[in-house]
All heavy atoms as atom14 arrays in JSON, in Angstrom:
{
  "sequence": "IGDWITMDRYGADGDVIEINLATVKVRNFDNTTTTIPTYSLSS",
  "atom14_mask": [
    [1, 1, 1, 1, 1, 1, 1, 1, 0, 0, 0, 0, 0, 0],
    [1, 1, 1, 1, 0, 0, 0, 0, 0, 0, 0, 0, 0, 0],
    [1, 1, 1, 1, 1, 1, 1, 1, 0, 0, 0, 0, 0, 0],
    [1, 1, 1, 1, 1, 1, 1, 1, 1, 1, 1, 1, 1, 1],
    [1, 1, 1, 1, 1, 1, 1, 1, 0, 0, 0, 0, 0, 0],
    [1, 1, 1, 1, 1, 1, 1, 0, 0, 0, 0, 0, 0, 0],
    [1, 1, 1, 1, 1, 1, 1, 1, 0, 0, 0, 0, 0, 0],
    [1, 1, 1, 1, 1, 1, 1, 1, 0, 0, 0, 0, 0, 0],
    [1, 1, 1, 1, 1, 1, 1, 1, 1, 1, 1, 0, 0, 0],
    [1, 1, 1, 1, 1, 1, 1, 1, 1, 1, 1, 1, 0, 0],
    [1, 1, 1, 1, 0, 0, 0, 0, 0, 0, 0, 0, 0, 0],
    [1, 1, 1, 1, 1, 0, 0, 0, 0, 0, 0, 0, 0, 0],
    [1, 1, 1, 1, 1, 1, 1, 1, 0, 0, 0, 0, 0, 0],
    [1, 1, 1, 1, 0, 0, 0, 0, 0, 0, 0, 0, 0, 0],
    [1, 1, 1, 1, 1, 1, 1, 1, 0, 0, 0, 0, 0, 0],
    [1, 1, 1, 1, 1, 1, 1, 0, 0, 0, 0, 0, 0, 0],
    [1, 1, 1, 1, 1, 1, 1, 1, 0, 0, 0, 0, 0, 0],
    [1, 1, 1, 1, 1, 1, 1, 1, 1, 0, 0, 0, 0, 0],
    [1, 1, 1, 1, 1, 1, 1, 1, 0, 0, 0, 0, 0, 0],
    [1, 1, 1, 1, 1, 1, 1, 1, 0, 0, 0, 0, 0, 0],
    [1, 1, 1, 1, 1, 1, 1, 1, 0, 0, 0, 0, 0, 0],
    [1, 1, 1, 1, 1, 0, 0, 0, 0, 0, 0, 0, 0, 0],
    [1, 1, 1, 1, 1, 1, 1, 0, 0, 0, 0, 0, 0, 0],
    [1, 1, 1, 1, 1, 1, 1, 0, 0, 0, 0, 0, 0, 0],
    [1, 1, 1, 1, 1, 1, 1, 1, 1, 0, 0, 0, 0, 0],
    [1, 1, 1, 1, 1, 1, 1, 0, 0, 0, 0, 0, 0, 0],
    [1, 1, 1, 1, 1, 1, 1, 1, 1, 1, 1, 0, 0, 0],
    [1, 1, 1, 1, 1, 1, 1, 1, 0, 0, 0, 0, 0, 0],
    [1, 1, 1, 1, 1, 1, 1, 1, 1, 1, 1, 0, 0, 0],
    [1, 1, 1, 1, 1, 1, 1, 1, 0, 0, 0, 0, 0, 0],
    [1, 1, 1, 1, 1, 1, 1, 1, 0, 0, 0, 0, 0, 0],
    [1, 1, 1, 1, 1, 1, 1, 0, 0, 0, 0, 0, 0, 0],
    [1, 1, 1, 1, 1, 1, 1, 0, 0, 0, 0, 0, 0, 0],
    [1, 1, 1, 1, 1, 1, 1, 0, 0, 0, 0, 0, 0, 0],
    [1, 1, 1, 1, 1, 1, 1, 0, 0, 0, 0, 0, 0, 0],
    [1, 1, 1, 1, 1, 1, 1, 1, 0, 0, 0, 0, 0, 0],
    [1, 1, 1, 1, 1, 1, 1, 0, 0, 0, 0, 0, 0, 0],
    [1, 1, 1, 1, 1, 1, 1, 0, 0, 0, 0, 0, 0, 0],
    [1, 1, 1, 1, 1, 1, 1, 1, 1, 1, 1, 1, 0, 0],
    [1, 1, 1, 1, 1, 1, 0, 0, 0, 0, 0, 0, 0, 0],
    [1, 1, 1, 1, 1, 1, 1, 1, 0, 0, 0, 0, 0, 0],
    [1, 1, 1, 1, 1, 1, 0, 0, 0, 0, 0, 0, 0, 0],
    [1, 1, 1, 1, 1, 1, 0, 0, 0, 0, 0, 0, 0, 0]
  ],
  "atom14_positions": [
    [[-1.27, -10.01, 1.54], [-2.52, -9.27, 1.58], [-2.85, -9.46, 3.04], [-2.87, -10.58, 3.63], [-3.56, -9.85, 0.84], [-3.29, -9.64, -0.77], [-4.95, -9.34, 1.11], [-4.26, -10.28, -1.71], [0.0, 0.0, 0.0], [0.0, 0.0, 0.0], [0.0, 0.0, 0.0], [0.0, 0.0, 0.0], [0.0, 0.0, 0.0], [0.0, 0.0, 0.0]],
    [[-3.17, -8.24, 3.67], [-3.45, -8.29, 5.13], [-2.25, -7.76, 6.03], [-2.61, -7.49, 7.22], [0.0, 0.0, 0.0], [0.0, 0.0, 0.0], [0.0, 0.0, 0.0], [0.0, 0.0, 0.0], [0.0, 0.0, 0.0], [0.0, 0.0, 0.0], [0.0, 0.0, 0.0], [0.0, 0.0, 0.0], [0.0, 0.0, 0.0], [0.0, 0.0, 0.0]],
    [[-1.07, -7.74, 5.42], [0.08, -7.17, 6.2], [-0.08, -5.65, 6.46], [-0.64, -4.84, 5.64], [1.29, -7.33, 5.34], [1.83, -8.8, 5.44], [1.29, -9.58, 6.15], [2.9, -9.06, 4.79], [0.0, 0.0, 0.0], [0.0, 0.0, 0.0], [0.0, 0.0, 0.0], [0.0, 0.0, 0.0], [0.0, 0.0, 0.0], [0.0, 0.0, 0.0]],
    [[0.48, -5.2, 7.63], [0.45, -3.83, 7.92], [1.79, -3.28, 7.45], [2.85, -3.75, 7.91], [0.3, -3.66, 9.42], [0.58, -2.24, 9.84], [0.71, -1.13, 9.1], [0.77, -1.9, 11.21], [0.97, 0.06, 9.92], [1.03, -0.42, 11.2], [0.89, -2.56, 12.46], [1.32, 0.32, 12.38], [1.12, -1.77, 13.6], [1.37, -0.44, 13.53]],
    [[1.83, -2.35, 6.48], [3.04, -1.8, 6.01], [3.11, -0.26, 6.03], [2.0, 0.36, 6.15], [3.33, -2.18, 4.46], [2.37, -1.48, 3.59], [3.33, -3.67, 4.23], [2.74, -1.59, 2.06], [0.0, 0.0, 0.0], [0.0, 0.0, 0.0], [0.0, 0.0, 0.0], [0.0, 0.0, 0.0], [0.0, 0.0, 0.0], [0.0, 0.0, 0.0]],
    [[4.26, 0.31, 6.23], [4.45, 1.66, 6.29], [5.4, 2.1, 5.2], [6.55, 1.57, 5.08], [5.0, 2.18, 7.59], [4.14, 1.83, 8.67], [5.28, 3.67, 7.69], [0.0, 0.0, 0.0], [0.0, 0.0, 0.0], [0.0, 0.0, 0.0], [0.0, 0.0, 0.0], [0.0, 0.0, 0.0], [0.0, 0.0, 0.0], [0.0, 0.0, 0.0]],
    [[5.01, 3.06, 4.36], [5.82, 3.42, 3.15], [5.71, 4.99, 3.2], [4.76, 5.65, 2.69], [5.47, 2.86, 1.92], [6.51, 2.82, 0.9], [6.06, 1.68, -0.57], [7.64, 1.63, -1.43], [0.0, 0.0, 0.0], [0.0, 0.0, 0.0], [0.0, 0.0, 0.0], [0.0, 0.0, 0.0], [0.0, 0.0, 0.0], [0.0, 0.0, 0.0]],
    [[6.68, 5.77, 3.85], [6.47, 7.16, 4.03], [6.54, 7.97, 2.75], [5.86, 8.96, 2.5], [7.75, 7.67, 4.82], [7.66, 7.16, 6.16], [6.56, 6.85, 6.77], [8.69, 7.02, 6.88], [0.0, 0.0, 0.0], [0.0, 0.0, 0.0], [0.0, 0.0, 0.0], [0.0, 0.0, 0.0], [0.0, 0.0, 0.0], [0.0, 0.0, 0.0]],
    [[7.2, 7.32, 1.67], [7.41, 8.17, 0.42], [5.93, 8.32, -0.23], [5.61, 9.39, -0.83], [8.15, 7.33, -0.57], [8.21, 7.98, -1.95], [9.14, 7.17, -2.9], [9.06, 7.71, -4.21], [9.61, 7.2, -5.3], [10.45, 6.14, -5.13], [9.58, 7.69, -6.41], [0.0, 0.0, 0.0], [0.0, 0.0, 0.0], [0.0, 0.0, 0.0]],
    [[4.96, 7.35, 0.01], [3.65, 7.45, -0.63], [2.63, 7.73, 0.44], [1.45, 7.72, 0.12], [3.35, 6.07, -1.27], [4.27, 5.86, -2.52], [5.38, 5.07, -2.41], [3.9, 6.47, -3.82], [6.15, 4.73, -3.46], [4.71, 6.12, -4.83], [5.8, 5.34, -4.76], [6.58, 5.07, -5.81], [0.0, 0.0, 0.0], [0.0, 0.0, 0.0]],
    [[2.98, 7.98, 1.64], [2.09, 8.32, 2.68], [1.22, 7.07, 3.07], [0.1, 7.27, 3.58], [0.0, 0.0, 0.0], [0.0, 0.0, 0.0], [0.0, 0.0, 0.0], [0.0, 0.0, 0.0], [0.0, 0.0, 0.0], [0.0, 0.0, 0.0], [0.0, 0.0, 0.0], [0.0, 0.0, 0.0], [0.0, 0.0, 0.0], [0.0, 0.0, 0.0]],
    [[1.74, 5.91, 2.94], [1.0, 4.7, 3.24], [1.34, 4.21, 4.7], [2.49, 4.04, 4.93], [1.3, 3.66, 2.21], [0.0, 0.0, 0.0], [0.0, 0.0, 0.0], [0.0, 0.0, 0.0], [0.0, 0.0, 0.0], [0.0, 0.0, 0.0], [0.0, 0.0, 0.0], [0.0, 0.0, 0.0], [0.0, 0.0, 0.0], [0.0, 0.0, 0.0]],
    [[0.32, 3.95, 5.35], [0.46, 3.34, 6.72], [-0.81, 2.65, 7.07], [-1.76, 3.23, 7.68], [0.75, 4.46, 7.78], [1.07, 3.87, 9.13], [1.4, 2.76, 9.3], [0.92, 4.71, 10.22], [0.0, 0.0, 0.0], [0.0, 0.0, 0.0], [0.0, 0.0, 0.0], [0.0, 0.0, 0.0], [0.0, 0.0, 0.0], [0.0, 0.0, 0.0]],
    [[-0.9, 1.32, 6.75], [-2.08, 0.6, 6.99], [-2.02, -0.81, 6.37], [-0.81, -1.38, 6.25], [0.0, 0.0, 0.0], [0.0, 0.0, 0.0], [0.0, 0.0, 0.0], [0.0, 0.0, 0.0], [0.0, 0.0, 0.0], [0.0, 0.0, 0.0], [0.0, 0.0, 0.0], [0.0, 0.0, 0.0], [0.0, 0.0, 0.0], [0.0, 0.0, 0.0]],
    [[-3.18, -1.38, 6.24], [-3.23, -2.82, 5.83], [-3.27, -2.93, 4.31], [-3.97, -2.18, 3.65], [-4.45, -3.51, 6.45], [-4.37, -3.48, 7.9], [-3.24, -3.5, 8.49], [-5.5, -3.45, 8.53], [0.0, 0.0, 0.0], [0.0, 0.0, 0.0], [0.0, 0.0, 0.0], [0.0, 0.0, 0.0], [0.0, 0.0, 0.0], [0.0, 0.0, 0.0]],
    [[-2.54, -3.92, 3.7], [-2.52, -4.19, 2.26], [-3.93, -4.99, 1.98], [-4.14, -5.99, 2.65], [-1.35, -5.19, 1.88], [-1.46, -5.36, 0.38], [-0.06, -4.3, 2.12], [0.0, 0.0, 0.0], [0.0, 0.0, 0.0], [0.0, 0.0, 0.0], [0.0, 0.0, 0.0], [0.0, 0.0, 0.0], [0.0, 0.0, 0.0], [0.0, 0.0, 0.0]],
    [[-4.75, -4.35, 1.06], [-6.0, -5.02, 0.8], [-5.98, -5.61, -0.48], [-6.86, -6.48, -0.92], [-7.13, -4.02, 0.97], [-6.87, -2.86, 0.01], [-7.36, -3.53, 2.36], [-8.09, -1.78, 0.0], [0.0, 0.0, 0.0], [0.0, 0.0, 0.0], [0.0, 0.0, 0.0], [0.0, 0.0, 0.0], [0.0, 0.0, 0.0], [0.0, 0.0, 0.0]],
    [[-5.05, -5.3, -1.4], [-4.89, -5.87, -2.78], [-3.57, -5.68, -3.42], [-2.91, -4.67, -3.13], [-6.07, -5.08, -3.68], [-6.16, -5.61, -5.14], [-7.12, -4.89, -5.99], [-8.1, -4.28, -5.33], [-6.99, -4.82, -7.12], [0.0, 0.0, 0.0], [0.0, 0.0, 0.0], [0.0, 0.0, 0.0], [0.0, 0.0, 0.0], [0.0, 0.0, 0.0]],
    [[-3.14, -6.75, -4.12], [-1.8, -6.75, -4.81], [-2.13, -7.15, -6.18], [-2.57, -8.35, -6.43], [-0.9, -7.61, -4.2], [-0.51, -7.19, -2.67], [0.46, -7.52, -5.01], [0.43, -8.12, -1.98], [0.0, 0.0, 0.0], [0.0, 0.0, 0.0], [0.0, 0.0, 0.0], [0.0, 0.0, 0.0], [0.0, 0.0, 0.0], [0.0, 0.0, 0.0]],
    [[-2.07, -6.35, -7.21], [-2.19, -6.66, -8.62], [-0.96, -6.27, -9.45], [-0.01, -5.88, -8.86], [-3.52, -6.1, -9.17], [-3.51, -4.58, -9.01], [-2.58, -3.88, -9.23], [-4.66, -4.09, -8.61], [0.0, 0.0, 0.0], [0.0, 0.0, 0.0], [0.0, 0.0, 0.0], [0.0, 0.0, 0.0], [0.0, 0.0, 0.0], [0.0, 0.0, 0.0]],
    [[-1.09, -6.33, -10.68], [0.05, -6.27, -11.56], [0.62, -4.87, -11.54], [1.79, -4.59, -11.62], [-0.36, -6.62, -12.99], [0.77, -6.88, -13.92], [1.67, -8.06, -13.42], [0.27, -7.26, -15.34], [0.0, 0.0, 0.0], [0.0, 0.0, 0.0], [0.0, 0.0, 0.0], [0.0, 0.0, 0.0], [0.0, 0.0, 0.0], [0.0, 0.0, 0.0]],
    [[-0.32, -3.85, -11.39], [0.14, -2.36, -11.53], [0.32, -1.73, -10.25], [1.14, -0.95, -9.93], [-0.82, -1.67, -12.38], [0.0, 0.0, 0.0], [0.0, 0.0, 0.0], [0.0, 0.0, 0.0], [0.0, 0.0, 0.0], [0.0, 0.0, 0.0], [0.0, 0.0, 0.0], [0.0, 0.0, 0.0], [0.0, 0.0, 0.0], [0.0, 0.0, 0.0]],
    [[-0.59, -2.06, -9.3], [-0.63, -1.28, -8.0], [-0.79, -2.19, -6.81], [-1.35, -3.38, -6.92], [-1.89, -0.26, -7.94], [-3.1, -0.94, -8.24], [-1.58, 0.7, -9.09], [0.0, 0.0, 0.0], [0.0, 0.0, 0.0], [0.0, 0.0, 0.0], [0.0, 0.0, 0.0], [0.0, 0.0, 0.0], [0.0, 0.0, 0.0], [0.0, 0.0, 0.0]],
    [[-0.44, -1.63, -5.64], [-0.75, -2.19, -4.39], [-1.57, -1.31, -3.57], [-1.26, -0.13, -3.52], [0.44, -2.59, -3.45], [0.32, -3.04, -2.1], [1.48, -3.51, -4.39], [0.0, 0.0, 0.0], [0.0, 0.0, 0.0], [0.0, 0.0, 0.0], [0.0, 0.0, 0.0], [0.0, 0.0, 0.0], [0.0, 0.0, 0.0], [0.0, 0.0, 0.0]],
    [[-2.81, -1.74, -3.15], [-3.68, -0.88, -2.48], [-3.64, -1.08, -0.88], [-3.58, -2.15, -0.46], [-5.14, -1.05, -2.81], [-5.47, -0.73, -4.3], [-6.91, -0.85, -4.6], [-7.11, -0.47, -6.07], [-8.65, -0.6, -6.35], [0.0, 0.0, 0.0], [0.0, 0.0, 0.0], [0.0, 0.0, 0.0], [0.0, 0.0, 0.0], [0.0, 0.0, 0.0]],
    [[-3.38, 0.09, -0.21], [-3.19, 0.15, 1.22], [-4.35, 0.85, 1.88], [-4.51, 2.01, 1.56], [-1.86, 0.59, 1.62], [-1.77, 0.61, 3.18], [-0.79, -0.14, 0.98], [0.0, 0.0, 0.0], [0.0, 0.0, 0.0], [0.0, 0.0, 0.0], [0.0, 0.0, 0.0], [0.0, 0.0, 0.0], [0.0, 0.0, 0.0], [0.0, 0.0, 0.0]],
    [[-5.03, 0.18, 2.8], [-6.14, 0.94, 3.5], [-5.46, 1.44, 4.69], [-5.14, 0.77, 5.73], [-7.21, 0.07, 3.96], [-8.36, 0.74, 4.67], [-9.51, -0.08, 5.1], [-10.31, -0.5, 4.03], [-10.41, -1.84, 3.57], [-9.83, -2.76, 4.35], [-11.13, -2.21, 2.64], [0.0, 0.0, 0.0], [0.0, 0.0, 0.0], [0.0, 0.0, 0.0]],
    [[-5.25, 2.88, 4.85], [-4.64, 3.34, 6.0], [-5.59, 3.45, 7.16], [-6.77, 3.14, 7.06], [-4.3, 4.86, 5.61], [-3.26, 5.04, 4.46], [-2.33, 4.27, 4.39], [-3.68, 5.74, 3.51], [0.0, 0.0, 0.0], [0.0, 0.0, 0.0], [0.0, 0.0, 0.0], [0.0, 0.0, 0.0], [0.0, 0.0, 0.0], [0.0, 0.0, 0.0]],
    [[-5.08, 3.83, 8.31], [-5.9, 3.69, 9.55], [-6.89, 4.81, 9.63], [-7.64, 4.68, 10.53], [-4.88, 3.76, 10.83], [-3.94, 2.44, 10.94], [-2.64, 2.61, 10.87], [-4.57, 1.26, 10.83], [-1.84, 1.48, 10.92], [-3.79, 0.1, 10.87], [-2.38, 0.18, 11.01], [0.0, 0.0, 0.0], [0.0, 0.0, 0.0], [0.0, 0.0, 0.0]],
    [[-6.74, 5.74, 8.92], [-7.75, 6.89, 8.82], [-8.83, 6.57, 7.78], [-9.61, 7.41, 7.37], [-7.16, 8.26, 8.49], [-6.35, 8.29, 7.25], [-6.25, 7.31, 6.57], [-5.87, 9.38, 6.89], [0.0, 0.0, 0.0], [0.0, 0.0, 0.0], [0.0, 0.0, 0.0], [0.0, 0.0, 0.0], [0.0, 0.0, 0.0], [0.0, 0.0, 0.0]],
    [[-8.83, 5.28, 7.29], [-9.72, 4.74, 6.23], [-9.62, 5.44, 4.96], [-10.52, 5.15, 3.95], [-11.27, 4.95, 6.81], [-11.65, 3.97, 7.88], [-11.09, 2.88, 7.91], [-12.37, 4.5, 8.81], [0.0, 0.0, 0.0], [0.0, 0.0, 0.0], [0.0, 0.0, 0.0], [0.0, 0.0, 0.0], [0.0, 0.0, 0.0], [0.0, 0.0, 0.0]],
    [[-8.47, 6.13, 4.65], [-8.24, 6.49, 3.31], [-7.41, 5.33, 2.57], [-6.98, 4.42, 3.26], [-7.33, 7.73, 3.26], [-6.15, 7.45, 4.04], [-8.16, 8.88, 3.88], [0.0, 0.0, 0.0], [0.0, 0.0, 0.0], [0.0, 0.0, 0.0], [0.0, 0.0, 0.0], [0.0, 0.0, 0.0], [0.0, 0.0, 0.0], [0.0, 0.0, 0.0]],
    [[-7.44, 5.34, 1.27], [-6.71, 4.32, 0.53], [-5.55, 4.96, -0.31], [-5.6, 5.93, -0.95], [-7.63, 3.68, -0.43], [-8.77, 2.99, 0.28], [-6.98, 2.49, -1.3], [0.0, 0.0, 0.0], [0.0, 0.0, 0.0], [0.0, 0.0, 0.0], [0.0, 0.0, 0.0], [0.0, 0.0, 0.0], [0.0, 0.0, 0.0], [0.0, 0.0, 0.0]],
    [[-4.33, 4.3, -0.1], [-3.19, 4.75, -0.88], [-2.83, 3.68, -1.87], [-2.85, 2.54, -1.6], [-1.97, 5.0, 0.13], [-2.28, 5.84, 1.08], [-0.7, 5.32, -0.62], [0.0, 0.0, 0.0], [0.0, 0.0, 0.0], [0.0, 0.0, 0.0], [0.0, 0.0, 0.0], [0.0, 0.0, 0.0], [0.0, 0.0, 0.0], [0.0, 0.0, 0.0]],
    [[-2.51, 4.24, -3.04], [-2.15, 3.25, -4.14], [-0.82, 3.41, -4.54], [-0.2, 4.54, -4.67], [-2.96, 3.69, -5.45], [-4.38, 3.54, -5.16], [-2.57, 2.73, -6.62], [0.0, 0.0, 0.0], [0.0, 0.0, 0.0], [0.0, 0.0, 0.0], [0.0, 0.0, 0.0], [0.0, 0.0, 0.0], [0.0, 0.0, 0.0], [0.0, 0.0, 0.0]],
    [[0.01, 2.23, -4.34], [1.44, 2.28, -4.59], [1.77, 1.44, -5.86], [1.18, 0.32, -6.01], [2.16, 1.59, -3.34], [1.69, 2.38, -2.02], [3.67, 1.59, -3.51], [2.19, 1.73, -0.7], [0.0, 0.0, 0.0], [0.0, 0.0, 0.0], [0.0, 0.0, 0.0], [0.0, 0.0, 0.0], [0.0, 0.0, 0.0], [0.0, 0.0, 0.0]],
    [[2.67, 1.96, -6.69], [3.15, 1.09, -7.82], [3.8, -0.19, -7.38], [4.59, -0.2, -6.38], [4.15, 1.98, -8.51], [3.84, 3.44, -8.08], [3.33, 3.23, -6.62], [0.0, 0.0, 0.0], [0.0, 0.0, 0.0], [0.0, 0.0, 0.0], [0.0, 0.0, 0.0], [0.0, 0.0, 0.0], [0.0, 0.0, 0.0], [0.0, 0.0, 0.0]],
    [[3.38, -1.3, -7.92], [3.89, -2.59, -7.41], [5.37, -2.61, -7.49], [6.05, -3.22, -6.65], [3.27, -3.76, -8.31], [1.79, -3.64, -8.24], [3.64, -5.11, -7.73], [0.0, 0.0, 0.0], [0.0, 0.0, 0.0], [0.0, 0.0, 0.0], [0.0, 0.0, 0.0], [0.0, 0.0, 0.0], [0.0, 0.0, 0.0], [0.0, 0.0, 0.0]],
    [[6.01, -2.14, -8.55], [7.42, -2.25, -8.76], [8.17, -1.51, -7.65], [9.44, -1.75, -7.36], [7.93, -1.79, -10.14], [7.57, -0.35, -10.52], [8.35, 0.65, -10.09], [6.48, -0.12, -11.32], [8.02, 2.0, -10.36], [6.06, 1.13, -11.71], [6.91, 2.19, -11.15], [6.62, 3.48, -11.56], [0.0, 0.0, 0.0], [0.0, 0.0, 0.0]],
    [[7.45, -0.48, -6.92], [8.22, 0.21, -5.88], [8.5, -0.72, -4.7], [9.39, -0.38, -3.81], [7.41, 1.35, -5.43], [6.18, 1.03, -4.89], [0.0, 0.0, 0.0], [0.0, 0.0, 0.0], [0.0, 0.0, 0.0], [0.0, 0.0, 0.0], [0.0, 0.0, 0.0], [0.0, 0.0, 0.0], [0.0, 0.0, 0.0], [0.0, 0.0, 0.0]],
    [[7.84, -1.78, -4.56], [8.05, -2.71, -3.51], [9.44, -3.37, -3.54], [9.98, -3.66, -2.47], [6.99, -3.88, -3.41], [5.51, -3.34, -3.07], [4.6, -4.54, -3.02], [5.46, -2.62, -1.73], [0.0, 0.0, 0.0], [0.0, 0.0, 0.0], [0.0, 0.0, 0.0], [0.0, 0.0, 0.0], [0.0, 0.0, 0.0], [0.0, 0.0, 0.0]],
    [[9.88, -3.46, -4.73], [11.2, -4.07, -4.92], [12.31, -2.99, -5.15], [13.56, -3.29, -4.95], [11.18, -5.01, -6.08], [10.91, -4.26, -7.33], [0.0, 0.0, 0.0], [0.0, 0.0, 0.0], [0.0, 0.0, 0.0], [0.0, 0.0, 0.0], [0.0, 0.0, 0.0], [0.0, 0.0, 0.0], [0.0, 0.0, 0.0], [0.0, 0.0, 0.0]],
    [[11.89, -1.74, -5.47], [12.9, -0.68, -5.71], [13.1, 0.27, -4.49], [14.13, 0.84, -4.36], [12.61, 0.07, -6.97], [11.3, 0.81, -6.85], [0.0, 0.0, 0.0], [0.0, 0.0, 0.0], [0.0, 0.0, 0.0], [0.0, 0.0, 0.0], [0.0, 0.0, 0.0], [0.0, 0.0, 0.0], [0.0, 0.0, 0.0], [0.0, 0.0, 0.0]]
  ]
}
């Protein structure tokens, strides 16, 4: 939590604000929020 990650497939480019069982929430630099499936971090 707090890491800056970039994941082009989901349009995520910002800071990780939450990691839970189903999703990872990323606050992008334009203040939008991208939700990424947690299992995609390993796949």
